[in-house]
Amino acid sequence: MRVHQLTFAALAVAASFSLTACQNGADGAGQSGGPSPSSTASAASTASPSVGSSDPGGGKASDGTTSSGGKGTAAATGSDASGKAGKCRTDELEITAAERTIGGDADGTVAVTLKNRGGRDCTISGYAGVDLKTGSGSLSAKRTGQQADTAVLKKGDSTYFGITYPLNTSGGSGVRVTGLVVTPPDETKSVTLDWPGAGTLPVTEGGGASVKIGPVGSAGQGG
């Protein structure tokens, strides 16, 4: 009778060990299958910035601005810190010249047009630099002294100024004009154009003719 009791006790202990092993195996399988949902969310939050945050390395935020050093700067608009449009640059302007002399005028007129072909609004004011290339050298135009206004050129808008020059009515060969050099106001870069006016200027005692220019935006026969 004692032998049977010992046998039953041994079987109960063995069954207990077997059940414990199965439970431990199930727990191990659950842990090796991947992190818990809470740990996954925590990892995702650490790995990627939240929507709308800026990248300190210079990436783009969700609002389309670029960032550098944690400070956002708007995409290039050509405006300065006060929000005003920046000055028109030579590379942003399409510059052309056309003859605009009206019959009966004592002087000839050439209109120079400056068109904003850049991707921003820009301001332009003052006098351009104008030089006529001639067979006798460069001839600089003189300012009329007229007051200049400031114009804001939106993309595709144009402004102009006039060049007046004396007509060669002497019957002589005069001074041959070979080109026109224009430097926009407040710029150092120039463009060289064909001279659309009369082919020659009268010879004067000083060796040059009196060529004058008005300020950008001045009234005249241009446009």
N, C-alpha and C. Protein backbone atom coordinates (compact mmCIF):
# COMPACT_ATOMS: atom_id res chain seq x y z
N MET A 1 0.84 -1.21 0.00
CA MET A 1 0.00 0.00 0.00
C MET A 1 0.86 1.23 0.00
N ARG A 2 1.97 1.24 0.72
CA ARG A 2 2.90 2.37 0.76
C ARG A 2 3.57 2.56 -0.58
N VAL A 3 3.79 1.44 -1.28
CA VAL A 3 4.43 1.52 -2.63
C VAL A 3 3.52 2.27 -3.58
N HIS A 4 2.20 2.00 -3.57
CA HIS A 4 1.26 2.68 -4.46
C HIS A 4 1.18 4.16 -4.16
N GLN A 5 1.22 4.54 -2.87
CA GLN A 5 1.16 5.96 -2.51
C GLN A 5 2.37 6.70 -3.02
N LEU A 6 3.56 6.11 -2.91
CA LEU A 6 4.77 6.75 -3.42
C LEU A 6 4.71 6.91 -4.94
N THR A 7 4.16 5.93 -5.60
CA THR A 7 4.07 5.98 -7.08
C THR A 7 3.15 7.12 -7.51
N PHE A 8 1.99 7.23 -6.84
CA PHE A 8 1.07 8.34 -7.18
C PHE A 8 1.70 9.70 -6.91
N ALA A 9 2.45 9.83 -5.85
CA ALA A 9 3.10 11.12 -5.52
C ALA A 9 4.12 11.48 -6.57
N ALA A 10 4.89 10.49 -7.03
CA ALA A 10 5.91 10.74 -8.07
C ALA A 10 5.25 11.19 -9.36
N LEU A 11 4.13 10.54 -9.73
CA LEU A 11 3.44 10.94 -10.95
C LEU A 11 2.90 12.36 -10.86
N ALA A 12 2.42 12.78 -9.70
CA ALA A 12 1.88 14.14 -9.51
C ALA A 12 2.99 15.17 -9.66
N VAL A 13 4.16 14.88 -9.09
CA VAL A 13 5.31 15.82 -9.21
C VAL A 13 5.73 15.95 -10.66
N ALA A 14 5.80 14.85 -11.38
CA ALA A 14 6.20 14.87 -12.80
C ALA A 14 5.21 15.68 -13.63
N ALA A 15 3.93 15.51 -13.37
CA ALA A 15 2.91 16.25 -14.11
C ALA A 15 3.03 17.75 -13.86
N SER A 16 3.37 18.11 -12.61
CA SER A 16 3.53 19.52 -12.26
C SER A 16 4.69 20.14 -13.01
N PHE A 17 5.83 19.43 -13.08
CA PHE A 17 7.00 19.91 -13.83
C PHE A 17 6.67 20.07 -15.32
N SER A 18 5.92 19.16 -15.89
CA SER A 18 5.57 19.20 -17.32
C SER A 18 4.71 20.41 -17.63
N LEU A 19 3.73 20.70 -16.76
CA LEU A 19 2.85 21.86 -16.97
C LEU A 19 3.61 23.15 -16.89
N THR A 20 4.54 23.24 -15.91
CA THR A 20 5.36 24.46 -15.75
C THR A 20 6.22 24.69 -16.98
N ALA A 21 6.80 23.61 -17.53
CA ALA A 21 7.65 23.72 -18.72
C ALA A 21 6.86 24.21 -19.92
N CYS A 22 5.63 23.74 -20.09
CA CYS A 22 4.79 24.17 -21.22
C CYS A 22 4.45 25.64 -21.11
N GLN A 23 4.15 26.11 -19.88
CA GLN A 23 3.81 27.52 -19.70
C GLN A 23 5.01 28.41 -19.99
N ASN A 24 6.19 27.99 -19.51
CA ASN A 24 7.41 28.77 -19.78
C ASN A 24 7.71 28.82 -21.27
N GLY A 25 7.47 27.72 -21.98
CA GLY A 25 7.70 27.68 -23.42
C GLY A 25 6.77 28.61 -24.14
N ALA A 26 5.52 28.69 -23.73
CA ALA A 26 4.55 29.58 -24.38
C ALA A 26 4.93 31.02 -24.16
N ASP A 27 5.39 31.35 -22.92
CA ASP A 27 5.81 32.72 -22.63
C ASP A 27 7.03 33.09 -23.46
N GLY A 28 7.95 32.22 -23.62
CA GLY A 28 9.15 32.49 -24.42
C GLY A 28 8.82 32.73 -25.86
N ALA A 29 7.85 31.95 -26.40
CA ALA A 29 7.47 32.14 -27.80
C ALA A 29 6.84 33.51 -28.00
N GLY A 30 6.04 33.97 -27.04
CA GLY A 30 5.40 35.27 -27.15
C GLY A 30 6.41 36.39 -27.12
N GLN A 31 7.47 36.27 -26.32
CA GLN A 31 8.48 37.31 -26.23
C GLN A 31 9.34 37.36 -27.47
N SER A 32 9.66 36.22 -28.07
CA SER A 32 10.52 36.22 -29.25
C SER A 32 9.78 36.64 -30.51
N GLY A 33 8.45 36.72 -30.52
CA GLY A 33 7.67 37.07 -31.71
C GLY A 33 7.74 38.55 -32.06
N GLY A 34 8.30 39.46 -31.24
CA GLY A 34 8.40 40.88 -31.55
C GLY A 34 8.07 41.69 -30.33
N PRO A 35 8.38 42.99 -30.36
CA PRO A 35 8.13 43.86 -29.22
C PRO A 35 6.64 44.08 -29.02
N SER A 36 6.28 44.47 -27.82
CA SER A 36 4.88 44.75 -27.52
C SER A 36 4.44 45.99 -28.24
N PRO A 37 3.15 46.19 -28.47
CA PRO A 37 2.64 47.38 -29.18
C PRO A 37 3.14 48.67 -28.57
N SER A 38 3.24 48.76 -27.25
CA SER A 38 3.66 50.01 -26.62
C SER A 38 5.11 50.30 -26.95
N SER A 39 6.00 49.29 -26.97
CA SER A 39 7.40 49.53 -27.28
C SER A 39 7.57 49.90 -28.74
N THR A 40 6.75 49.34 -29.65
CA THR A 40 6.82 49.68 -31.07
C THR A 40 6.47 51.15 -31.29
N ALA A 41 5.43 51.65 -30.66
CA ALA A 41 5.03 53.04 -30.80
C ALA A 41 6.10 53.96 -30.28
N SER A 42 6.74 53.55 -29.16
CA SER A 42 7.80 54.38 -28.60
C SER A 42 8.98 54.49 -29.55
N ALA A 43 9.35 53.36 -30.19
CA ALA A 43 10.47 53.36 -31.14
C ALA A 43 10.16 54.21 -32.35
N ALA A 44 8.93 54.11 -32.87
CA ALA A 44 8.56 54.89 -34.05
C ALA A 44 8.59 56.37 -33.73
N SER A 45 8.17 56.75 -32.50
CA SER A 45 8.19 58.16 -32.12
C SER A 45 9.60 58.69 -32.05
N THR A 46 10.55 57.86 -31.62
CA THR A 46 11.95 58.28 -31.53
C THR A 46 12.61 58.35 -32.89
N ALA A 47 12.26 57.45 -33.80
CA ALA A 47 12.95 57.33 -35.09
C ALA A 47 12.60 58.45 -36.04
N SER A 48 11.36 58.95 -36.03
CA SER A 48 10.97 59.95 -37.02
C SER A 48 10.36 61.15 -36.34
N PRO A 49 10.69 62.41 -36.84
CA PRO A 49 10.13 63.61 -36.23
C PRO A 49 8.65 63.70 -36.48
N SER A 50 7.98 64.45 -35.62
CA SER A 50 6.54 64.61 -35.78
C SER A 50 6.25 65.50 -36.96
N VAL A 51 5.05 65.42 -37.52
CA VAL A 51 4.64 66.20 -38.68
C VAL A 51 4.72 67.68 -38.34
N GLY A 52 5.35 68.46 -39.24
CA GLY A 52 5.43 69.90 -39.04
C GLY A 52 6.71 70.33 -38.37
N SER A 53 7.54 69.41 -37.86
CA SER A 53 8.79 69.82 -37.23
C SER A 53 9.83 70.07 -38.28
N SER A 54 10.84 70.88 -37.96
CA SER A 54 11.90 71.20 -38.91
C SER A 54 13.12 70.37 -38.63
N ASP A 55 13.85 70.03 -39.67
CA ASP A 55 15.04 69.22 -39.58
C ASP A 55 16.23 70.12 -39.33
N PRO A 56 16.96 70.01 -38.20
CA PRO A 56 18.11 70.88 -37.94
C PRO A 56 19.17 70.79 -39.01
N GLY A 57 19.16 69.72 -39.80
CA GLY A 57 20.16 69.58 -40.84
C GLY A 57 19.83 70.33 -42.10
N GLY A 58 18.71 71.05 -42.15
CA GLY A 58 18.39 71.84 -43.34
C GLY A 58 17.32 71.23 -44.20
N GLY A 59 16.46 70.34 -43.65
CA GLY A 59 15.41 69.71 -44.43
C GLY A 59 14.22 70.63 -44.59
N LYS A 60 13.13 70.10 -45.12
CA LYS A 60 11.92 70.90 -45.33
C LYS A 60 10.85 70.50 -44.33
N ALA A 61 10.21 71.48 -43.75
CA ALA A 61 9.09 71.24 -42.86
C ALA A 61 7.83 71.10 -43.68
N SER A 62 6.73 70.71 -43.00
CA SER A 62 5.49 70.45 -43.73
C SER A 62 4.89 71.71 -44.33
N ASP A 63 5.31 72.91 -43.85
CA ASP A 63 4.72 74.13 -44.41
C ASP A 63 5.48 74.64 -45.62
N GLY A 64 6.47 73.88 -46.09
CA GLY A 64 7.17 74.26 -47.32
C GLY A 64 8.36 75.15 -47.11
N THR A 65 8.64 75.55 -45.86
CA THR A 65 9.80 76.40 -45.63
C THR A 65 11.02 75.54 -45.41
N THR A 66 12.19 76.12 -45.65
CA THR A 66 13.42 75.40 -45.39
C THR A 66 13.97 75.85 -44.06
N SER A 67 14.76 74.99 -43.44
CA SER A 67 15.29 75.33 -42.14
C SER A 67 16.79 75.18 -42.12
N SER A 68 17.43 75.96 -41.29
CA SER A 68 18.87 75.89 -41.11
C SER A 68 19.16 76.27 -39.68
N GLY A 69 19.77 75.36 -38.94
CA GLY A 69 20.06 75.65 -37.55
C GLY A 69 18.82 75.83 -36.70
N GLY A 70 17.71 75.25 -37.13
CA GLY A 70 16.49 75.33 -36.36
C GLY A 70 15.65 76.54 -36.67
N LYS A 71 16.12 77.47 -37.52
CA LYS A 71 15.35 78.65 -37.89
C LYS A 71 14.80 78.49 -39.29
N GLY A 72 13.50 78.69 -39.46
CA GLY A 72 12.86 78.56 -40.77
C GLY A 72 13.01 79.83 -41.58
N THR A 73 13.29 79.68 -42.87
CA THR A 73 13.35 80.82 -43.78
C THR A 73 12.45 80.52 -44.95
N ALA A 74 11.62 81.48 -45.34
CA ALA A 74 10.68 81.26 -46.43
C ALA A 74 11.41 81.07 -47.73
N ALA A 75 10.77 80.39 -48.69
CA ALA A 75 11.34 80.21 -50.01
C ALA A 75 11.60 81.58 -50.63
N ALA A 76 12.62 81.63 -51.54
CA ALA A 76 13.08 82.91 -52.07
C ALA A 76 11.95 83.71 -52.70
N THR A 77 11.75 84.91 -52.18
CA THR A 77 10.73 85.79 -52.71
C THR A 77 11.32 87.10 -53.21
N GLY A 78 12.59 87.33 -52.90
CA GLY A 78 13.22 88.56 -53.33
C GLY A 78 12.94 89.71 -52.38
N SER A 79 12.28 89.46 -51.24
CA SER A 79 11.98 90.50 -50.28
C SER A 79 13.08 90.60 -49.25
N ASP A 80 13.29 91.82 -48.73
CA ASP A 80 14.28 92.00 -47.69
C ASP A 80 13.62 91.77 -46.33
N ALA A 81 14.36 92.08 -45.25
CA ALA A 81 13.85 91.79 -43.91
C ALA A 81 12.59 92.57 -43.59
N SER A 82 12.38 93.71 -44.24
CA SER A 82 11.19 94.51 -43.97
C SER A 82 9.99 94.06 -44.80
N GLY A 83 10.18 93.07 -45.68
CA GLY A 83 9.09 92.57 -46.50
C GLY A 83 8.96 93.29 -47.83
N LYS A 84 9.84 94.25 -48.10
CA LYS A 84 9.78 94.98 -49.36
C LYS A 84 10.48 94.20 -50.46
N ALA A 85 10.06 94.42 -51.71
CA ALA A 85 10.69 93.73 -52.85
C ALA A 85 12.12 94.21 -53.01
N GLY A 86 13.01 93.28 -53.36
CA GLY A 86 14.41 93.63 -53.57
C GLY A 86 14.62 94.33 -54.90
N LYS A 87 15.81 94.86 -55.10
CA LYS A 87 16.11 95.60 -56.31
C LYS A 87 16.22 94.66 -57.52
N CYS A 88 15.84 95.18 -58.68
CA CYS A 88 15.93 94.41 -59.91
C CYS A 88 17.40 94.24 -60.30
N ARG A 89 17.77 93.03 -60.64
CA ARG A 89 19.14 92.73 -61.03
C ARG A 89 19.22 92.56 -62.54
N THR A 90 20.40 92.79 -63.07
CA THR A 90 20.59 92.72 -64.52
C THR A 90 20.15 91.37 -65.08
N ASP A 91 20.51 90.30 -64.39
CA ASP A 91 20.18 88.96 -64.88
C ASP A 91 18.68 88.67 -64.85
N GLU A 92 17.91 89.47 -64.13
CA GLU A 92 16.46 89.27 -64.07
C GLU A 92 15.72 90.10 -65.11
N LEU A 93 16.43 90.97 -65.80
CA LEU A 93 15.78 91.90 -66.72
C LEU A 93 16.05 91.54 -68.17
N GLU A 94 15.01 91.61 -68.97
CA GLU A 94 15.16 91.52 -70.43
C GLU A 94 15.21 92.96 -70.95
N ILE A 95 16.33 93.34 -71.51
CA ILE A 95 16.56 94.73 -71.91
C ILE A 95 16.60 94.81 -73.43
N THR A 96 15.76 95.66 -73.98
CA THR A 96 15.69 95.85 -75.43
C THR A 96 15.66 97.35 -75.74
N ALA A 97 15.99 97.68 -76.96
CA ALA A 97 15.99 99.09 -77.39
C ALA A 97 15.32 99.20 -78.75
N ALA A 98 14.57 100.30 -78.96
CA ALA A 98 13.86 100.50 -80.22
C ALA A 98 13.87 101.98 -80.59
N GLU A 99 13.91 102.25 -81.89
CA GLU A 99 13.84 103.63 -82.39
C GLU A 99 12.44 104.18 -82.18
N ARG A 100 12.34 105.39 -81.63
CA ARG A 100 11.04 106.01 -81.38
C ARG A 100 11.02 107.47 -81.82
N THR A 101 11.83 107.82 -82.78
CA THR A 101 11.87 109.20 -83.26
C THR A 101 10.60 109.52 -84.05
N ILE A 102 10.01 110.66 -83.76
CA ILE A 102 8.83 111.13 -84.48
C ILE A 102 9.27 112.13 -85.54
N GLY A 103 8.74 111.98 -86.72
CA GLY A 103 9.11 112.88 -87.81
C GLY A 103 8.91 114.34 -87.44
N GLY A 104 9.90 115.16 -87.74
CA GLY A 104 9.83 116.58 -87.43
C GLY A 104 10.53 116.95 -86.14
N ASP A 105 10.87 115.94 -85.30
CA ASP A 105 11.59 116.25 -84.06
C ASP A 105 13.01 116.71 -84.37
N ALA A 106 13.51 117.61 -83.55
CA ALA A 106 14.88 118.10 -83.73
C ALA A 106 15.89 117.04 -83.31
N ASP A 107 15.53 116.22 -82.35
CA ASP A 107 16.42 115.17 -81.86
C ASP A 107 15.81 113.80 -82.11
N GLY A 108 16.69 112.82 -82.17
CA GLY A 108 16.23 111.44 -82.28
C GLY A 108 15.94 110.86 -80.90
N THR A 109 15.12 109.83 -80.85
CA THR A 109 14.76 109.18 -79.58
C THR A 109 14.85 107.66 -79.72
N VAL A 110 15.51 107.07 -78.75
CA VAL A 110 15.55 105.61 -78.62
C VAL A 110 14.96 105.26 -77.26
N ALA A 111 14.02 104.33 -77.24
CA ALA A 111 13.42 103.88 -75.98
C ALA A 111 14.03 102.55 -75.57
N VAL A 112 14.45 102.49 -74.32
CA VAL A 112 15.02 101.25 -73.76
C VAL A 112 14.00 100.67 -72.80
N THR A 113 13.62 99.43 -73.05
CA THR A 113 12.62 98.74 -72.21
C THR A 113 13.31 97.73 -71.31
N LEU A 114 12.90 97.72 -70.05
CA LEU A 114 13.42 96.76 -69.07
C LEU A 114 12.25 95.93 -68.56
N LYS A 115 12.25 94.65 -68.87
CA LYS A 115 11.15 93.75 -68.51
C LYS A 115 11.61 92.76 -67.45
N ASN A 116 10.79 92.61 -66.42
CA ASN A 116 11.09 91.67 -65.35
C ASN A 116 10.77 90.25 -65.81
N ARG A 117 11.79 89.47 -66.05
CA ARG A 117 11.59 88.07 -66.45
C ARG A 117 12.06 87.12 -65.34
N GLY A 118 12.28 87.66 -64.14
CA GLY A 118 12.67 86.84 -63.00
C GLY A 118 11.46 86.20 -62.34
N GLY A 119 11.68 85.49 -61.26
CA GLY A 119 10.60 84.81 -60.57
C GLY A 119 10.11 85.54 -59.34
N ARG A 120 10.35 86.84 -59.26
CA ARG A 120 9.96 87.61 -58.08
C ARG A 120 9.63 89.04 -58.47
N ASP A 121 8.94 89.76 -57.59
CA ASP A 121 8.76 91.18 -57.78
C ASP A 121 10.07 91.87 -57.44
N CYS A 122 10.34 92.99 -58.11
CA CYS A 122 11.57 93.73 -57.81
C CYS A 122 11.33 95.22 -58.02
N THR A 123 12.14 96.02 -57.37
CA THR A 123 12.01 97.47 -57.48
C THR A 123 13.14 98.04 -58.33
N ILE A 124 12.83 99.12 -59.03
CA ILE A 124 13.82 99.77 -59.88
C ILE A 124 13.60 101.27 -59.81
N SER A 125 14.69 102.02 -59.70
CA SER A 125 14.57 103.46 -59.55
C SER A 125 15.89 104.11 -59.94
N GLY A 126 15.79 105.31 -60.50
CA GLY A 126 17.00 106.06 -60.80
C GLY A 126 17.36 106.05 -62.27
N TYR A 127 18.62 106.31 -62.54
CA TYR A 127 19.12 106.39 -63.90
C TYR A 127 19.98 105.16 -64.23
N ALA A 128 19.79 104.65 -65.41
CA ALA A 128 20.66 103.59 -65.91
C ALA A 128 21.95 104.23 -66.44
N GLY A 129 22.96 103.41 -66.54
CA GLY A 129 24.17 103.87 -67.20
C GLY A 129 24.06 103.56 -68.69
N VAL A 130 24.36 104.53 -69.54
CA VAL A 130 24.23 104.34 -70.99
C VAL A 130 25.49 104.85 -71.68
N ASP A 131 26.06 104.00 -72.50
CA ASP A 131 27.22 104.36 -73.31
C ASP A 131 26.98 103.95 -74.75
N LEU A 132 27.28 104.83 -75.66
CA LEU A 132 27.20 104.51 -77.09
C LEU A 132 28.59 104.14 -77.59
N LYS A 133 28.67 103.03 -78.24
CA LYS A 133 29.93 102.61 -78.84
C LYS A 133 30.00 103.22 -80.24
N THR A 134 31.04 103.98 -80.49
CA THR A 134 31.18 104.65 -81.78
C THR A 134 32.53 104.33 -82.40
N GLY A 135 32.66 104.75 -83.65
CA GLY A 135 33.94 104.55 -84.33
C GLY A 135 35.05 105.36 -83.71
N SER A 136 34.69 106.34 -82.89
CA SER A 136 35.70 107.19 -82.24
C SER A 136 35.87 106.87 -80.76
N GLY A 137 35.27 105.78 -80.29
CA GLY A 137 35.36 105.40 -78.88
C GLY A 137 34.00 105.40 -78.21
N SER A 138 34.01 105.27 -76.89
CA SER A 138 32.77 105.20 -76.12
C SER A 138 32.27 106.60 -75.79
N LEU A 139 30.97 106.79 -75.88
CA LEU A 139 30.35 108.07 -75.59
C LEU A 139 29.29 107.86 -74.50
N SER A 140 29.50 108.49 -73.33
CA SER A 140 28.57 108.32 -72.21
C SER A 140 27.44 109.34 -72.29
N ALA A 141 26.23 108.85 -72.08
CA ALA A 141 25.06 109.74 -72.09
C ALA A 141 24.99 110.51 -70.78
N LYS A 142 24.43 111.70 -70.85
CA LYS A 142 24.28 112.55 -69.67
C LYS A 142 22.84 112.50 -69.17
N ARG A 143 22.70 112.62 -67.85
CA ARG A 143 21.37 112.59 -67.25
C ARG A 143 20.65 113.92 -67.46
N THR A 144 19.35 113.84 -67.62
CA THR A 144 18.55 115.05 -67.80
C THR A 144 18.35 115.80 -66.50
N GLY A 145 18.50 115.11 -65.37
CA GLY A 145 18.27 115.73 -64.07
C GLY A 145 16.84 115.60 -63.59
N GLN A 146 15.99 114.97 -64.37
CA GLN A 146 14.60 114.77 -63.98
C GLN A 146 14.53 113.85 -62.77
N GLN A 147 13.61 114.14 -61.84
CA GLN A 147 13.48 113.33 -60.64
C GLN A 147 12.99 111.93 -60.99
N ALA A 148 13.58 110.96 -60.33
CA ALA A 148 13.23 109.56 -60.61
C ALA A 148 12.25 109.03 -59.58
N ASP A 149 11.29 108.25 -60.04
CA ASP A 149 10.34 107.56 -59.16
C ASP A 149 10.76 106.10 -59.01
N THR A 150 10.26 105.47 -57.96
CA THR A 150 10.52 104.05 -57.73
C THR A 150 9.35 103.24 -58.25
N ALA A 151 9.65 102.22 -59.04
CA ALA A 151 8.61 101.35 -59.60
C ALA A 151 8.81 99.92 -59.10
N VAL A 152 7.71 99.24 -58.82
CA VAL A 152 7.75 97.82 -58.47
C VAL A 152 7.32 97.03 -59.70
N LEU A 153 8.23 96.23 -60.19
CA LEU A 153 7.94 95.42 -61.37
C LEU A 153 7.55 94.01 -60.94
N LYS A 154 6.32 93.63 -61.22
CA LYS A 154 5.92 92.25 -61.00
C LYS A 154 6.44 91.42 -62.17
N LYS A 155 6.41 90.13 -62.01
CA LYS A 155 6.90 89.25 -63.06
C LYS A 155 6.14 89.52 -64.37
N GLY A 156 6.90 89.84 -65.42
CA GLY A 156 6.30 90.11 -66.72
C GLY A 156 6.05 91.58 -66.98
N ASP A 157 6.14 92.44 -65.95
CA ASP A 157 5.93 93.87 -66.13
C ASP A 157 7.18 94.54 -66.71
N SER A 158 6.96 95.68 -67.34
CA SER A 158 8.06 96.42 -67.97
C SER A 158 8.05 97.88 -67.58
N THR A 159 9.20 98.50 -67.66
CA THR A 159 9.35 99.94 -67.56
C THR A 159 10.36 100.36 -68.60
N TYR A 160 10.56 101.65 -68.78
CA TYR A 160 11.49 102.08 -69.83
C TYR A 160 12.04 103.46 -69.53
N PHE A 161 13.02 103.85 -70.28
CA PHE A 161 13.54 105.21 -70.24
C PHE A 161 13.95 105.60 -71.66
N GLY A 162 14.05 106.90 -71.87
CA GLY A 162 14.36 107.39 -73.20
C GLY A 162 15.78 107.91 -73.34
N ILE A 163 16.33 107.74 -74.52
CA ILE A 163 17.63 108.30 -74.88
C ILE A 163 17.37 109.30 -76.02
N THR A 164 17.81 110.51 -75.83
CA THR A 164 17.69 111.49 -76.92
C THR A 164 19.09 111.79 -77.46
N TYR A 165 19.17 111.93 -78.76
CA TYR A 165 20.47 112.17 -79.40
C TYR A 165 20.27 113.13 -80.58
N PRO A 166 21.29 113.90 -80.91
CA PRO A 166 21.16 114.85 -82.03
C PRO A 166 21.22 114.11 -83.37
N LEU A 167 20.40 114.55 -84.27
CA LEU A 167 20.39 113.96 -85.61
C LEU A 167 21.50 114.60 -86.46
N ASN A 168 22.10 113.79 -87.27
CA ASN A 168 23.17 114.29 -88.14
C ASN A 168 22.54 114.87 -89.41
N THR A 169 22.37 116.18 -89.41
CA THR A 169 21.78 116.86 -90.57
C THR A 169 22.83 117.70 -91.31
N SER A 170 24.08 117.46 -90.98
CA SER A 170 25.16 118.27 -91.56
C SER A 170 25.49 117.88 -92.99
N GLY A 171 25.08 116.70 -93.37
CA GLY A 171 25.45 116.21 -94.69
C GLY A 171 26.79 115.51 -94.70
N GLY A 172 27.52 115.57 -93.59
CA GLY A 172 28.82 114.89 -93.49
C GLY A 172 28.65 113.46 -93.01
N SER A 173 29.77 112.77 -92.96
CA SER A 173 29.74 111.35 -92.56
C SER A 173 29.40 111.18 -91.09
N GLY A 174 29.74 112.17 -90.26
CA GLY A 174 29.42 112.11 -88.84
C GLY A 174 30.18 111.02 -88.08
N VAL A 175 29.71 110.74 -86.89
CA VAL A 175 30.32 109.73 -86.02
C VAL A 175 29.46 108.47 -86.08
N ARG A 176 30.04 107.39 -86.50
CA ARG A 176 29.28 106.15 -86.68
C ARG A 176 29.04 105.47 -85.33
N VAL A 177 27.77 105.08 -85.08
CA VAL A 177 27.40 104.38 -83.84
C VAL A 177 27.35 102.89 -84.12
N THR A 178 28.05 102.11 -83.29
CA THR A 178 28.14 100.67 -83.53
C THR A 178 27.43 99.82 -82.45
N GLY A 179 27.05 100.42 -81.35
CA GLY A 179 26.40 99.61 -80.31
C GLY A 179 25.94 100.47 -79.14
N LEU A 180 25.16 99.84 -78.26
CA LEU A 180 24.59 100.51 -77.09
C LEU A 180 24.84 99.63 -75.86
N VAL A 181 25.44 100.22 -74.83
CA VAL A 181 25.72 99.50 -73.58
C VAL A 181 24.84 100.07 -72.48
N VAL A 182 24.05 99.21 -71.84
CA VAL A 182 23.11 99.64 -70.80
C VAL A 182 23.43 98.92 -69.49
N THR A 183 23.51 99.70 -68.42
CA THR A 183 23.69 99.16 -67.07
C THR A 183 22.50 99.59 -66.23
N PRO A 184 21.67 98.67 -65.77
CA PRO A 184 20.50 99.05 -64.96
C PRO A 184 20.91 99.82 -63.71
N PRO A 185 19.99 100.61 -63.14
CA PRO A 185 20.29 101.37 -61.93
C PRO A 185 20.78 100.47 -60.79
N ASP A 186 21.79 100.96 -60.07
CA ASP A 186 22.34 100.26 -58.90
C ASP A 186 22.96 98.90 -59.26
N GLU A 187 23.33 98.73 -60.50
CA GLU A 187 23.96 97.49 -60.94
C GLU A 187 25.33 97.79 -61.56
N THR A 188 26.17 96.78 -61.63
CA THR A 188 27.48 96.92 -62.27
C THR A 188 27.58 96.06 -63.53
N LYS A 189 26.66 95.12 -63.68
CA LYS A 189 26.68 94.26 -64.87
C LYS A 189 25.91 94.92 -66.00
N SER A 190 26.52 94.95 -67.18
CA SER A 190 25.92 95.63 -68.33
C SER A 190 25.50 94.64 -69.40
N VAL A 191 24.66 95.13 -70.31
CA VAL A 191 24.30 94.36 -71.50
C VAL A 191 24.61 95.23 -72.72
N THR A 192 25.04 94.60 -73.80
CA THR A 192 25.35 95.32 -75.03
C THR A 192 24.29 95.00 -76.08
N LEU A 193 23.71 96.04 -76.65
CA LEU A 193 22.63 95.90 -77.63
C LEU A 193 23.04 96.53 -78.95
N ASP A 194 22.33 96.15 -79.99
CA ASP A 194 22.48 96.86 -81.27
C ASP A 194 21.89 98.25 -81.12
N TRP A 195 22.50 99.21 -81.76
CA TRP A 195 21.98 100.58 -81.73
C TRP A 195 20.87 100.71 -82.77
N PRO A 196 19.62 101.00 -82.32
CA PRO A 196 18.50 101.03 -83.27
C PRO A 196 18.27 102.41 -83.89
N GLY A 197 18.99 103.44 -83.41
CA GLY A 197 18.76 104.79 -83.91
C GLY A 197 19.50 105.07 -85.21
N ALA A 198 19.60 106.35 -85.53
CA ALA A 198 20.30 106.75 -86.74
C ALA A 198 21.73 106.24 -86.71
N GLY A 199 22.26 105.95 -87.89
CA GLY A 199 23.57 105.33 -87.97
C GLY A 199 24.73 106.21 -87.55
N THR A 200 24.54 107.54 -87.62
CA THR A 200 25.63 108.45 -87.27
C THR A 200 25.13 109.61 -86.42
N LEU A 201 26.07 110.19 -85.68
CA LEU A 201 25.83 111.39 -84.90
C LEU A 201 26.65 112.53 -85.51
N PRO A 202 26.18 113.74 -85.36
CA PRO A 202 26.96 114.85 -85.89
C PRO A 202 28.27 115.03 -85.13
N VAL A 203 29.28 115.48 -85.82
CA VAL A 203 30.57 115.76 -85.19
C VAL A 203 30.48 117.11 -84.49
N THR A 204 30.95 117.16 -83.25
CA THR A 204 30.96 118.41 -82.50
C THR A 204 32.39 118.81 -82.20
N GLU A 205 32.57 120.03 -81.72
CA GLU A 205 33.92 120.52 -81.44
C GLU A 205 34.59 119.70 -80.35
N GLY A 206 33.80 119.17 -79.42
CA GLY A 206 34.37 118.37 -78.34
C GLY A 206 34.65 116.95 -78.75
N GLY A 207 34.34 116.59 -79.99
CA GLY A 207 34.60 115.24 -80.47
C GLY A 207 33.47 114.28 -80.20
N GLY A 208 32.36 114.74 -79.61
CA GLY A 208 31.23 113.86 -79.32
C GLY A 208 29.93 114.61 -79.43
N ALA A 209 28.86 113.90 -79.36
CA ALA A 209 27.53 114.51 -79.47
C ALA A 209 26.90 114.57 -78.10
N SER A 210 25.89 115.41 -77.92
CA SER A 210 25.19 115.55 -76.66
C SER A 210 24.05 114.52 -76.61
N VAL A 211 24.32 113.40 -75.97
CA VAL A 211 23.33 112.33 -75.82
C VAL A 211 22.83 112.36 -74.38
N LYS A 212 21.51 112.35 -74.19
CA LYS A 212 20.93 112.46 -72.86
C LYS A 212 19.98 111.29 -72.58
N ILE A 213 19.85 110.98 -71.29
CA ILE A 213 18.91 109.93 -70.87
C ILE A 213 18.03 110.45 -69.75
N GLY A 214 16.79 109.96 -69.72
CA GLY A 214 15.88 110.24 -68.62
C GLY A 214 15.92 109.11 -67.61
N PRO A 215 15.31 109.30 -66.45
CA PRO A 215 15.28 108.24 -65.43
C PRO A 215 14.36 107.10 -65.85
N VAL A 216 14.56 105.97 -65.23
CA VAL A 216 13.69 104.83 -65.50
C VAL A 216 12.26 105.18 -65.11
N GLY A 217 11.32 104.93 -66.03
CA GLY A 217 9.92 105.23 -65.79
C GLY A 217 9.50 106.58 -66.27
N SER A 218 10.44 107.34 -66.86
CA SER A 218 10.10 108.68 -67.33
C SER A 218 9.22 108.61 -68.58
N ALA A 219 8.41 109.63 -68.75
CA ALA A 219 7.50 109.68 -69.89
C ALA A 219 8.29 109.91 -71.17
N GLY A 220 7.76 109.41 -72.25
CA GLY A 220 8.43 109.57 -73.54
C GLY A 220 7.68 108.81 -74.61
N GLN A 221 8.38 108.45 -75.65
CA GLN A 221 7.76 107.75 -76.76
C GLN A 221 8.08 106.25 -76.74
N GLY A 222 8.52 105.78 -75.60
CA GLY A 222 8.87 104.37 -75.50
C GLY A 222 7.69 103.54 -75.06
N GLY A 223 7.97 102.31 -74.67
CA GLY A 223 6.92 101.43 -74.18
C GLY A 223 6.75 100.23 -75.07
